[in-house]
């Protein structure tokens, strides 16, 4: 996202008020980004957080259906 938005690691670090190594660690999955910083990251990269949250919900629902097959039957009944 950052690269596609044309933002360097240094610039992102300044925007998030952290150091460049922290940004690198976020990108590599070495450390977890705080939710406030995540949403700021999305804003700086011009990512629609509503769409992202909707995708997360769809993935969560899919995982829940996999864990609990009876939910699939309930959804079929609703249709």
PDB file of N, CA and C in Angstrom:
ATOM      1  N   UNK A   1       0.828  -1.196   0.000  1.00  0.00           N
ATOM      2  CA  UNK A   1       0.000   0.000   0.000  1.00  0.00           C
ATOM      3  C   UNK A   1       0.870   1.257   0.000  1.00  0.00           C
ATOM      4  N   UNK A   2       1.873   1.225   0.864  1.00  0.00           N
ATOM      5  CA  UNK A   2       2.735   2.398   1.004  1.00  0.00           C
ATOM      6  C   UNK A   2       3.449   2.689  -0.311  1.00  0.00           C
ATOM      7  N   UNK A   3       4.024   1.662  -0.911  1.00  0.00           N
ATOM      8  CA  UNK A   3       4.763   1.823  -2.164  1.00  0.00           C
ATOM      9  C   UNK A   3       3.824   2.298  -3.268  1.00  0.00           C
ATOM     10  N   UNK A   4       2.645   1.691  -3.357  1.00  0.00           N
ATOM     11  CA  UNK A   4       1.664   2.095  -4.378  1.00  0.00           C
ATOM     12  C   UNK A   4       1.232   3.548  -4.201  1.00  0.00           C
ATOM     13  N   UNK A   5       1.254   4.032  -2.958  1.00  0.00           N
ATOM     14  CA  UNK A   5       0.886   5.423  -2.686  1.00  0.00           C
ATOM     15  C   UNK A   5       2.055   6.372  -2.919  1.00  0.00           C
ATOM     16  N   UNK A   6       3.245   5.811  -3.214  1.00  0.00           N
ATOM     17  CA  UNK A   6       4.407   6.651  -3.481  1.00  0.00           C
ATOM     18  C   UNK A   6       5.008   7.269  -2.226  1.00  0.00           C
ATOM     19  N   UNK A   7       4.857   6.581  -1.101  1.00  0.00           N
ATOM     20  CA  UNK A   7       5.359   7.088   0.176  1.00  0.00           C
ATOM     21  C   UNK A   7       6.571   6.258   0.593  1.00  0.00           C
ATOM     22  N   UNK A   8       7.661   6.938   0.926  1.00  0.00           N
ATOM     23  CA  UNK A   8       8.857   6.227   1.373  1.00  0.00           C
ATOM     24  C   UNK A   8       8.678   5.766   2.820  1.00  0.00           C
ATOM     25  N   UNK A   9       9.520   4.840   3.234  1.00  0.00           N
ATOM     26  CA  UNK A   9       9.481   4.381   4.626  1.00  0.00           C
ATOM     27  C   UNK A   9       9.791   5.532   5.581  1.00  0.00           C
ATOM     28  N   UNK A  10      10.746   6.379   5.205  1.00  0.00           N
ATOM     29  CA  UNK A  10      11.083   7.534   6.050  1.00  0.00           C
ATOM     30  C   UNK A  10       9.890   8.470   6.211  1.00  0.00           C
ATOM     31  N   UNK A  11       9.223   8.748   5.102  1.00  0.00           N
ATOM     32  CA  UNK A  11       8.063   9.645   5.146  1.00  0.00           C
ATOM     33  C   UNK A  11       6.931   9.043   5.981  1.00  0.00           C
ATOM     34  N   UNK A  12       6.679   7.749   5.787  1.00  0.00           N
ATOM     35  CA  UNK A  12       5.622   7.101   6.571  1.00  0.00           C
ATOM     36  C   UNK A  12       5.966   7.134   8.055  1.00  0.00           C
ATOM     37  N   UNK A  13       7.228   6.895   8.369  1.00  0.00           N
ATOM     38  CA  UNK A  13       7.657   6.934   9.769  1.00  0.00           C
ATOM     39  C   UNK A  13       7.407   8.317  10.370  1.00  0.00           C
ATOM     40  N   UNK A  14       7.705   9.357   9.627  1.00  0.00           N
ATOM     41  CA  UNK A  14       7.465  10.724  10.120  1.00  0.00           C
ATOM     42  C   UNK A  14       5.972  10.967  10.315  1.00  0.00           C
ATOM     43  N   UNK A  15       5.163  10.505   9.375  1.00  0.00           N
ATOM     44  CA  UNK A  15       3.720  10.704   9.475  1.00  0.00           C
ATOM     45  C   UNK A  15       3.139   9.966  10.690  1.00  0.00           C
ATOM     46  N   UNK A  16       3.672   8.757  10.966  1.00  0.00           N
ATOM     47  CA  UNK A  16       3.171   7.953  12.083  1.00  0.00           C
ATOM     48  C   UNK A  16       3.872   8.285  13.401  1.00  0.00           C
ATOM     49  N   UNK A  17       4.839   9.208  13.324  1.00  0.00           N
ATOM     50  CA  UNK A  17       5.611   9.607  14.508  1.00  0.00           C
ATOM     51  C   UNK A  17       6.310   8.412  15.155  1.00  0.00           C
ATOM     52  N   UNK A  18       7.001   7.649  14.304  1.00  0.00           N
ATOM     53  CA  UNK A  18       7.800   6.521  14.774  1.00  0.00           C
ATOM     54  C   UNK A  18       9.081   6.499  13.945  1.00  0.00           C
ATOM     55  N   UNK A  19       9.950   5.551  14.200  1.00  0.00           N
ATOM     56  CA  UNK A  19      11.169   5.498  13.395  1.00  0.00           C
ATOM     57  C   UNK A  19      11.002   4.545  12.213  1.00  0.00           C
ATOM     58  N   UNK A  20      11.924   4.669  11.262  1.00  0.00           N
ATOM     59  CA  UNK A  20      11.854   3.881  10.029  1.00  0.00           C
ATOM     60  C   UNK A  20      11.892   2.389  10.316  1.00  0.00           C
ATOM     61  N   UNK A  21      12.682   1.978  11.303  1.00  0.00           N
ATOM     62  CA  UNK A  21      12.781   0.559  11.650  1.00  0.00           C
ATOM     63  C   UNK A  21      11.419   0.001  12.076  1.00  0.00           C
ATOM     64  N   UNK A  22      10.625   0.815  12.753  1.00  0.00           N
ATOM     65  CA  UNK A  22       9.284   0.386  13.157  1.00  0.00           C
ATOM     66  C   UNK A  22       8.420   0.129  11.931  1.00  0.00           C
ATOM     67  N   UNK A  23       8.492   1.020  10.950  1.00  0.00           N
ATOM     68  CA  UNK A  23       7.737   0.835   9.700  1.00  0.00           C
ATOM     69  C   UNK A  23       8.194  -0.447   9.012  1.00  0.00           C
ATOM     70  N   UNK A  24       9.487  -0.675   8.968  1.00  0.00           N
ATOM     71  CA  UNK A  24      10.015  -1.901   8.358  1.00  0.00           C
ATOM     72  C   UNK A  24       9.463  -3.122   9.088  1.00  0.00           C
ATOM     73  N   UNK A  25       9.472  -3.079  10.411  1.00  0.00           N
ATOM     74  CA  UNK A  25       8.958  -4.207  11.204  1.00  0.00           C
ATOM     75  C   UNK A  25       7.471  -4.439  10.958  1.00  0.00           C
ATOM     76  N   UNK A  26       6.698  -3.370  10.804  1.00  0.00           N
ATOM     77  CA  UNK A  26       5.276  -3.522  10.475  1.00  0.00           C
ATOM     78  C   UNK A  26       5.128  -4.242   9.135  1.00  0.00           C
ATOM     79  N   UNK A  27       5.895  -3.790   8.155  1.00  0.00           N
ATOM     80  CA  UNK A  27       5.783  -4.349   6.802  1.00  0.00           C
ATOM     81  C   UNK A  27       6.242  -5.798   6.733  1.00  0.00           C
ATOM     82  N   UNK A  28       7.208  -6.155   7.545  1.00  0.00           N
ATOM     83  CA  UNK A  28       7.706  -7.530   7.547  1.00  0.00           C
ATOM     84  C   UNK A  28       6.891  -8.450   8.453  1.00  0.00           C
ATOM     85  N   UNK A  29       5.977  -7.868   9.222  1.00  0.00           N
ATOM     86  CA  UNK A  29       5.170  -8.662  10.143  1.00  0.00           C
ATOM     87  C   UNK A  29       5.913  -9.054  11.405  1.00  0.00           C
ATOM     88  N   UNK A  30       7.027  -8.365  11.679  1.00  0.00           N
ATOM     89  CA  UNK A  30       7.815  -8.639  12.878  1.00  0.00           C
ATOM     90  C   UNK A  30       7.098  -8.105  14.112  1.00  0.00           C
ATOM     91  N   UNK A  31       6.433  -6.972  13.948  1.00  0.00           N
ATOM     92  CA  UNK A  31       5.661  -6.410  15.054  1.00  0.00           C
ATOM     93  C   UNK A  31       4.296  -5.969  14.537  1.00  0.00           C
ATOM     94  N   UNK A  32       3.348  -5.890  15.444  1.00  0.00           N
ATOM     95  CA  UNK A  32       1.983  -5.510  15.082  1.00  0.00           C
ATOM     96  C   UNK A  32       1.812  -3.997  15.192  1.00  0.00           C
ATOM     97  N   UNK A  33       1.107  -3.462  14.234  1.00  0.00           N
ATOM     98  CA  UNK A  33       0.829  -2.030  14.232  1.00  0.00           C
ATOM     99  C   UNK A  33      -0.357  -1.752  15.144  1.00  0.00           C
ATOM    100  N   UNK A  34      -0.281  -0.666  15.872  1.00  0.00           N
ATOM    101  CA  UNK A  34      -1.412  -0.264  16.725  1.00  0.00           C
ATOM    102  C   UNK A  34      -2.563   0.187  15.833  1.00  0.00           C
ATOM    103  N   UNK A  35      -3.775  -0.019  16.319  1.00  0.00           N
ATOM    104  CA  UNK A  35      -4.947   0.265  15.481  1.00  0.00           C
ATOM    105  C   UNK A  35      -4.993   1.723  15.036  1.00  0.00           C
ATOM    106  N   UNK A  36      -4.644   2.656  15.902  1.00  0.00           N
ATOM    107  CA  UNK A  36      -4.670   4.068  15.520  1.00  0.00           C
ATOM    108  C   UNK A  36      -3.685   4.315  14.378  1.00  0.00           C
ATOM    109  N   UNK A  37      -2.480   3.740  14.493  1.00  0.00           N
ATOM    110  CA  UNK A  37      -1.491   3.909  13.436  1.00  0.00           C
ATOM    111  C   UNK A  37      -1.936   3.214  12.154  1.00  0.00           C
ATOM    112  N   UNK A  38      -2.598   2.071  12.275  1.00  0.00           N
ATOM    113  CA  UNK A  38      -3.086   1.363  11.100  1.00  0.00           C
ATOM    114  C   UNK A  38      -4.068   2.228  10.326  1.00  0.00           C
ATOM    115  N   UNK A  39      -5.010   2.839  11.041  1.00  0.00           N
ATOM    116  CA  UNK A  39      -5.990   3.669  10.340  1.00  0.00           C
ATOM    117  C   UNK A  39      -5.343   4.919   9.748  1.00  0.00           C
ATOM    118  N   UNK A  40      -4.335   5.463  10.423  1.00  0.00           N
ATOM    119  CA  UNK A  40      -3.618   6.599   9.853  1.00  0.00           C
ATOM    120  C   UNK A  40      -2.861   6.153   8.592  1.00  0.00           C
ATOM    121  N   UNK A  41      -2.265   4.963   8.649  1.00  0.00           N
ATOM    122  CA  UNK A  41      -1.563   4.393   7.487  1.00  0.00           C
ATOM    123  C   UNK A  41      -2.527   4.317   6.302  1.00  0.00           C
ATOM    124  N   UNK A  42      -3.729   3.818   6.561  1.00  0.00           N
ATOM    125  CA  UNK A  42      -4.727   3.695   5.497  1.00  0.00           C
ATOM    126  C   UNK A  42      -5.083   5.058   4.919  1.00  0.00           C
ATOM    127  N   UNK A  43      -5.227   6.047   5.789  1.00  0.00           N
ATOM    128  CA  UNK A  43      -5.557   7.402   5.340  1.00  0.00           C
ATOM    129  C   UNK A  43      -4.435   7.946   4.453  1.00  0.00           C
ATOM    130  N   UNK A  44      -3.186   7.809   4.903  1.00  0.00           N
ATOM    131  CA  UNK A  44      -2.053   8.320   4.129  1.00  0.00           C
ATOM    132  C   UNK A  44      -1.933   7.616   2.784  1.00  0.00           C
ATOM    133  N   UNK A  45      -2.289   6.342   2.730  1.00  0.00           N
ATOM    134  CA  UNK A  45      -2.209   5.576   1.482  1.00  0.00           C
ATOM    135  C   UNK A  45      -3.478   5.694   0.645  1.00  0.00           C
ATOM    136  N   UNK A  46      -4.423   6.498   1.154  1.00  0.00           N
ATOM    137  CA  UNK A  46      -5.702   6.735   0.461  1.00  0.00           C
ATOM    138  C   UNK A  46      -6.472   5.437   0.222  1.00  0.00           C
ATOM    139  N   UNK A  47      -6.509   4.596   1.273  1.00  0.00           N
ATOM    140  CA  UNK A  47      -7.247   3.340   1.233  1.00  0.00           C
ATOM    141  C   UNK A  47      -8.571   3.559   1.942  1.00  0.00           C
ATOM    142  N   UNK A  48      -9.651   3.137   1.320  1.00  0.00           N
ATOM    143  CA  UNK A  48     -10.982   3.269   1.913  1.00  0.00           C
ATOM    144  C   UNK A  48     -11.118   2.256   3.053  1.00  0.00           C
ATOM    145  N   UNK A  49     -11.093   2.745   4.286  1.00  0.00           N
ATOM    146  CA  UNK A  49     -11.142   1.838   5.436  1.00  0.00           C
ATOM    147  C   UNK A  49     -12.477   1.096   5.507  1.00  0.00           C
ATOM    148  N   UNK A  50     -13.539   1.687   5.002  1.00  0.00           N
ATOM    149  CA  UNK A  50     -14.838   1.008   4.995  1.00  0.00           C
ATOM    150  C   UNK A  50     -14.804  -0.247   4.139  1.00  0.00           C
ATOM    151  N   UNK A  51     -14.191  -0.148   2.974  1.00  0.00           N
ATOM    152  CA  UNK A  51     -14.059  -1.315   2.093  1.00  0.00           C
ATOM    153  C   UNK A  51     -13.193  -2.384   2.739  1.00  0.00           C
ATOM    154  N   UNK A  52     -12.115  -1.943   3.377  1.00  0.00           N
ATOM    155  CA  UNK A  52     -11.225  -2.887   4.045  1.00  0.00           C
ATOM    156  C   UNK A  52     -11.949  -3.612   5.175  1.00  0.00           C
ATOM    157  N   UNK A  53     -12.690  -2.866   5.980  1.00  0.00           N
ATOM    158  CA  UNK A  53     -13.435  -3.485   7.076  1.00  0.00           C
ATOM    159  C   UNK A  53     -14.495  -4.448   6.558  1.00  0.00           C
ATOM    160  N   UNK A  54     -15.107  -4.114   5.432  1.00  0.00           N
ATOM    161  CA  UNK A  54     -16.097  -5.000   4.823  1.00  0.00           C
ATOM    162  C   UNK A  54     -15.439  -6.308   4.368  1.00  0.00           C
ATOM    163  N   UNK A  55     -14.241  -6.195   3.792  1.00  0.00           N
ATOM    164  CA  UNK A  55     -13.519  -7.403   3.378  1.00  0.00           C
ATOM    165  C   UNK A  55     -13.150  -8.256   4.590  1.00  0.00           C
ATOM    166  N   UNK A  56     -12.721  -7.607   5.659  1.00  0.00           N
ATOM    167  CA  UNK A  56     -12.383  -8.334   6.889  1.00  0.00           C
ATOM    168  C   UNK A  56     -13.609  -9.068   7.410  1.00  0.00           C
ATOM    169  N   UNK A  57     -14.768  -8.423   7.377  1.00  0.00           N
ATOM    170  CA  UNK A  57     -16.009  -9.051   7.839  1.00  0.00           C
ATOM    171  C   UNK A  57     -16.332 -10.279   6.987  1.00  0.00           C
ATOM    172  N   UNK A  58     -16.162 -10.155   5.673  1.00  0.00           N
ATOM    173  CA  UNK A  58     -16.438 -11.282   4.785  1.00  0.00           C
ATOM    174  C   UNK A  58     -15.505 -12.457   5.082  1.00  0.00           C
ATOM    175  N   UNK A  59     -14.238 -12.172   5.312  1.00  0.00           N
ATOM    176  CA  UNK A  59     -13.278 -13.229   5.646  1.00  0.00           C
ATOM    177  C   UNK A  59     -13.644 -13.873   6.971  1.00  0.00           C
ATOM    178  N   UNK A  60     -13.995 -13.046   7.963  1.00  0.00           N
ATOM    179  CA  UNK A  60     -14.387 -13.575   9.273  1.00  0.00           C
ATOM    180  C   UNK A  60     -15.620 -14.459   9.148  1.00  0.00           C
ATOM    181  N   UNK A  61     -16.600 -14.032   8.367  1.00  0.00           N
ATOM    182  CA  UNK A  61     -17.806 -14.831   8.170  1.00  0.00           C
ATOM    183  C   UNK A  61     -17.481 -16.163   7.492  1.00  0.00           C
ATOM    184  N   UNK A  62     -16.575 -16.115   6.529  1.00  0.00           N
ATOM    185  CA  UNK A  62     -16.174 -17.338   5.834  1.00  0.00           C
ATOM    186  C   UNK A  62     -15.482 -18.299   6.796  1.00  0.00           C
ATOM    187  N   UNK A  63     -14.606 -17.777   7.642  1.00  0.00           N
ATOM    188  CA  UNK A  63     -13.920 -18.611   8.636  1.00  0.00           C
ATOM    189  C   UNK A  63     -14.934 -19.206   9.597  1.00  0.00           C
ATOM    190  N   UNK A  64     -15.892 -18.399  10.039  1.00  0.00           N
ATOM    191  CA  UNK A  64     -16.918 -18.893  10.961  1.00  0.00           C
ATOM    192  C   UNK A  64     -17.751 -20.000  10.328  1.00  0.00           C
ATOM    193  N   UNK A  65     -18.074 -19.860   9.040  1.00  0.00           N
ATOM    194  CA  UNK A  65     -18.840 -20.905   8.355  1.00  0.00           C
ATOM    195  C   UNK A  65     -18.035 -22.193   8.266  1.00  0.00           C
ATOM    196  N   UNK A  66     -16.736 -22.061   8.067  1.00  0.00           N
ATOM    197  CA  UNK A  66     -15.872 -23.234   7.990  1.00  0.00           C
ATOM    198  C   UNK A  66     -15.813 -23.945   9.337  1.00  0.00           C
ATOM    199  N   UNK A  67     -15.748 -23.159  10.397  1.00  0.00           N
ATOM    200  CA  UNK A  67     -15.685 -23.738  11.742  1.00  0.00           C
ATOM    201  C   UNK A  67     -17.026 -24.314  12.172  1.00  0.00           C
ATOM    202  N   UNK A  68     -18.120 -23.704  11.699  1.00  0.00           N
ATOM    203  CA  UNK A  68     -19.451 -24.114  12.129  1.00  0.00           C
ATOM    204  C   UNK A  68     -20.342 -24.299  10.898  1.00  0.00           C
ATOM    205  N   UNK A  69     -20.331 -25.487  10.306  1.00  0.00           N
ATOM    206  CA  UNK A  69     -21.092 -25.725   9.073  1.00  0.00           C
ATOM    207  C   UNK A  69     -22.590 -25.454   9.206  1.00  0.00           C
ATOM    208  N   UNK A  70     -23.147 -25.501  10.392  1.00  0.00           N
ATOM    209  CA  UNK A  70     -24.579 -25.245  10.553  1.00  0.00           C
ATOM    210  C   UNK A  70     -24.932 -23.814  10.165  1.00  0.00           C
ATOM    211  N   UNK A  71     -23.962 -22.897  10.212  1.00  0.00           N
ATOM    212  CA  UNK A  71     -24.214 -21.522   9.783  1.00  0.00           C
ATOM    213  C   UNK A  71     -24.507 -21.467   8.291  1.00  0.00           C
ATOM    214  N   UNK A  72     -23.911 -22.370   7.500  1.00  0.00           N
ATOM    215  CA  UNK A  72     -24.176 -22.412   6.070  1.00  0.00           C
ATOM    216  C   UNK A  72     -25.642 -22.748   5.812  1.00  0.00           C
ATOM    217  N   UNK A  73     -26.179 -23.686   6.593  1.00  0.00           N
ATOM    218  CA  UNK A  73     -27.584 -24.064   6.429  1.00  0.00           C
ATOM    219  C   UNK A  73     -28.500 -22.892   6.759  1.00  0.00           C
ATOM    220  N   UNK A  74     -28.148 -22.129   7.810  1.00  0.00           N
ATOM    221  CA  UNK A  74     -28.960 -20.965   8.187  1.00  0.00           C
ATOM    222  C   UNK A  74     -28.962 -19.931   7.069  1.00  0.00           C
ATOM    223  N   UNK A  75     -27.797 -19.701   6.434  1.00  0.00           N
ATOM    224  CA  UNK A  75     -27.728 -18.717   5.365  1.00  0.00           C
ATOM    225  C   UNK A  75     -28.539 -19.172   4.159  1.00  0.00           C
ATOM    226  N   UNK A  76     -28.547 -20.465   3.862  1.00  0.00           N
ATOM    227  CA  UNK A  76     -29.333 -20.969   2.742  1.00  0.00           C
ATOM    228  C   UNK A  76     -30.821 -20.735   2.999  1.00  0.00           C
ATOM    229  N   UNK A  77     -31.248 -20.893   4.249  1.00  0.00           N
ATOM    230  CA  UNK A  77     -32.651 -20.694   4.598  1.00  0.00           C
ATOM    231  C   UNK A  77     -33.054 -19.224   4.431  1.00  0.00           C
ATOM    232  N   UNK A  78     -32.137 -18.309   4.692  1.00  0.00           N
ATOM    233  CA  UNK A  78     -32.425 -16.874   4.573  1.00  0.00           C
ATOM    234  C   UNK A  78     -32.642 -16.482   3.131  1.00  0.00           C
ATOM    235  N   UNK A  79     -32.021 -17.206   2.203  1.00  0.00           N
ATOM    236  CA  UNK A  79     -32.124 -16.871   0.766  1.00  0.00           C
ATOM    237  C   UNK A  79     -33.386 -17.430   0.250  1.00  0.00           C
TER     238      UNK A  79
END
